[in-house]
N, C-alpha and C. Protein backbone atom coordinates (compact mmCIF):
# COMPACT_ATOMS: atom_id res chain seq x y z
N MET A 1 -51.80 197.11 88.89
CA MET A 1 -52.03 195.70 89.22
C MET A 1 -52.78 195.04 88.06
N ASN A 2 -52.44 193.78 87.83
CA ASN A 2 -53.13 193.07 86.76
C ASN A 2 -53.68 191.73 87.26
N ARG A 3 -54.51 191.13 86.43
CA ARG A 3 -55.16 189.86 86.74
C ARG A 3 -54.68 188.75 85.81
N ILE A 4 -53.51 188.88 85.24
CA ILE A 4 -53.05 187.89 84.26
C ILE A 4 -53.03 186.49 84.88
N LYS A 5 -52.48 186.37 86.07
CA LYS A 5 -52.40 185.06 86.73
C LYS A 5 -53.79 184.47 86.95
N GLU A 6 -54.72 185.29 87.40
CA GLU A 6 -56.08 184.82 87.65
C GLU A 6 -56.75 184.34 86.36
N VAL A 7 -56.58 185.10 85.29
CA VAL A 7 -57.20 184.72 84.01
C VAL A 7 -56.56 183.43 83.47
N LEU A 8 -55.25 183.31 83.59
CA LEU A 8 -54.59 182.07 83.17
C LEU A 8 -55.16 180.88 83.94
N ASN A 9 -55.31 181.03 85.26
CA ASN A 9 -55.86 179.95 86.08
C ASN A 9 -57.29 179.62 85.69
N GLU A 10 -58.11 180.66 85.46
CA GLU A 10 -59.50 180.44 85.07
C GLU A 10 -59.60 179.65 83.76
N LYS A 11 -58.66 179.90 82.86
CA LYS A 11 -58.70 179.26 81.54
C LYS A 11 -57.87 177.98 81.49
N GLY A 12 -57.18 177.66 82.58
CA GLY A 12 -56.36 176.45 82.61
C GLY A 12 -55.15 176.53 81.70
N ILE A 13 -54.59 177.72 81.56
CA ILE A 13 -53.44 177.94 80.69
C ILE A 13 -52.20 178.16 81.55
N LYS A 14 -51.10 177.53 81.14
CA LYS A 14 -49.85 177.64 81.88
C LYS A 14 -49.07 178.90 81.49
N GLN A 15 -48.32 179.42 82.43
CA GLN A 15 -47.47 180.57 82.17
C GLN A 15 -46.46 180.26 81.07
N LYS A 16 -45.98 179.03 81.02
CA LYS A 16 -45.00 178.62 80.01
C LYS A 16 -45.58 178.81 78.60
N TRP A 17 -46.85 178.45 78.40
CA TRP A 17 -47.50 178.61 77.10
C TRP A 17 -47.53 180.09 76.71
N LEU A 18 -47.93 180.92 77.67
CA LEU A 18 -48.00 182.36 77.40
C LEU A 18 -46.62 182.92 77.07
N ALA A 19 -45.61 182.49 77.82
CA ALA A 19 -44.25 182.95 77.57
C ALA A 19 -43.81 182.60 76.15
N GLU A 20 -44.11 181.38 75.72
CA GLU A 20 -43.74 180.96 74.36
C GLU A 20 -44.46 181.78 73.31
N LYS A 21 -45.74 182.04 73.50
CA LYS A 21 -46.53 182.82 72.54
C LYS A 21 -46.06 184.26 72.46
N LEU A 22 -45.60 184.80 73.58
CA LEU A 22 -45.16 186.19 73.63
C LEU A 22 -43.69 186.35 73.22
N GLY A 23 -42.97 185.23 73.18
CA GLY A 23 -41.54 185.32 72.91
C GLY A 23 -40.78 185.92 74.08
N LYS A 24 -41.30 185.71 75.28
CA LYS A 24 -40.69 186.23 76.51
C LYS A 24 -40.21 185.05 77.36
N SER A 25 -39.33 185.34 78.30
CA SER A 25 -38.88 184.29 79.19
C SER A 25 -39.99 183.94 80.19
N LEU A 26 -39.91 182.73 80.71
CA LEU A 26 -40.87 182.32 81.73
C LEU A 26 -40.74 183.22 82.96
N ASN A 27 -39.52 183.64 83.28
CA ASN A 27 -39.32 184.54 84.43
C ASN A 27 -40.04 185.86 84.23
N MET A 28 -40.00 186.39 83.01
CA MET A 28 -40.66 187.67 82.73
C MET A 28 -42.18 187.51 82.89
N VAL A 29 -42.74 186.46 82.33
CA VAL A 29 -44.19 186.22 82.45
C VAL A 29 -44.56 185.99 83.91
N ASN A 30 -43.71 185.28 84.64
CA ASN A 30 -43.97 185.06 86.06
C ASN A 30 -43.98 186.39 86.81
N ASP A 31 -43.09 187.30 86.44
CA ASP A 31 -43.09 188.64 87.06
C ASP A 31 -44.39 189.38 86.76
N TYR A 32 -44.90 189.26 85.53
CA TYR A 32 -46.19 189.87 85.19
C TYR A 32 -47.29 189.26 86.04
N CYS A 33 -47.29 187.93 86.14
CA CYS A 33 -48.35 187.24 86.86
C CYS A 33 -48.36 187.56 88.35
N ASN A 34 -47.19 187.85 88.89
CA ASN A 34 -47.08 188.15 90.32
C ASN A 34 -46.96 189.64 90.60
N ASN A 35 -47.25 190.45 89.58
CA ASN A 35 -47.29 191.90 89.70
C ASN A 35 -45.97 192.51 90.19
N ARG A 36 -44.87 191.83 89.87
CA ARG A 36 -43.56 192.43 90.14
C ARG A 36 -43.17 193.37 89.01
N ARG A 37 -43.75 193.12 87.83
CA ARG A 37 -43.59 193.97 86.64
C ARG A 37 -44.95 194.08 85.98
N GLN A 38 -45.11 195.17 85.22
CA GLN A 38 -46.35 195.35 84.47
C GLN A 38 -46.02 195.39 82.98
N PRO A 39 -46.78 194.66 82.17
CA PRO A 39 -46.54 194.74 80.72
C PRO A 39 -46.96 196.11 80.19
N ASN A 40 -46.30 196.56 79.12
CA ASN A 40 -46.74 197.81 78.51
C ASN A 40 -48.10 197.58 77.84
N LEU A 41 -48.74 198.65 77.42
CA LEU A 41 -50.10 198.53 76.87
C LEU A 41 -50.15 197.64 75.63
N LYS A 42 -49.17 197.77 74.75
CA LYS A 42 -49.15 196.95 73.54
C LYS A 42 -49.11 195.46 73.92
N LEU A 43 -48.26 195.13 74.88
CA LEU A 43 -48.14 193.75 75.32
C LEU A 43 -49.40 193.29 76.05
N LEU A 44 -50.00 194.17 76.83
CA LEU A 44 -51.23 193.83 77.54
C LEU A 44 -52.34 193.49 76.54
N PHE A 45 -52.43 194.25 75.46
CA PHE A 45 -53.44 193.97 74.45
C PHE A 45 -53.15 192.65 73.74
N LEU A 46 -51.87 192.33 73.52
CA LEU A 46 -51.51 191.06 72.91
C LEU A 46 -51.86 189.90 73.84
N ILE A 47 -51.59 190.06 75.12
CA ILE A 47 -51.94 189.02 76.09
C ILE A 47 -53.45 188.80 76.09
N ALA A 48 -54.21 189.89 76.08
CA ALA A 48 -55.67 189.78 76.05
C ALA A 48 -56.12 189.04 74.80
N GLU A 49 -55.51 189.34 73.67
CA GLU A 49 -55.87 188.67 72.42
C GLU A 49 -55.56 187.18 72.51
N LEU A 50 -54.40 186.83 73.03
CA LEU A 50 -54.02 185.42 73.15
C LEU A 50 -54.95 184.66 74.10
N LEU A 51 -55.40 185.35 75.15
CA LEU A 51 -56.27 184.71 76.14
C LEU A 51 -57.75 184.85 75.79
N ASN A 52 -58.01 185.54 74.67
CA ASN A 52 -59.38 185.73 74.19
C ASN A 52 -60.27 186.41 75.24
N VAL A 53 -59.74 187.50 75.80
CA VAL A 53 -60.50 188.30 76.77
C VAL A 53 -60.38 189.77 76.41
N ASN A 54 -61.26 190.56 76.95
CA ASN A 54 -61.19 192.01 76.80
C ASN A 54 -60.01 192.50 77.64
N PRO A 55 -59.18 193.40 77.12
CA PRO A 55 -58.04 193.89 77.90
C PRO A 55 -58.44 194.42 79.28
N LYS A 56 -59.63 194.96 79.42
CA LYS A 56 -60.10 195.46 80.70
C LYS A 56 -60.17 194.35 81.76
N GLU A 57 -60.38 193.11 81.30
CA GLU A 57 -60.45 191.98 82.23
C GLU A 57 -59.11 191.65 82.85
N LEU A 58 -58.03 192.18 82.28
CA LEU A 58 -56.70 191.90 82.80
C LEU A 58 -56.22 192.95 83.80
N ILE A 59 -57.05 193.96 84.04
CA ILE A 59 -56.64 195.05 84.92
C ILE A 59 -57.50 195.05 86.19
N LYS A 60 -56.83 195.12 87.33
CA LYS A 60 -57.53 195.22 88.61
C LYS A 60 -57.79 196.67 88.92
N GLU A 61 -58.98 196.95 89.38
CA GLU A 61 -59.28 198.29 89.86
C GLU A 61 -59.05 198.34 91.35
N ASN A 62 -58.39 199.37 91.81
CA ASN A 62 -58.13 199.52 93.26
C ASN A 62 -59.19 200.34 93.92
């Protein structure tokens, strides 16, 4: 599980912006945000860098 959607909301960033920065479709980013898919570690670190957060902040602990 990830917190990408929560972090985007906290920072006021749209999924469309993230999709453009990652070179991914909006549907793919939406799947990440809704935990239907999980980004690989390399992509997770890139998302963290783009959002200026520690990668650990993007991961939910169960």
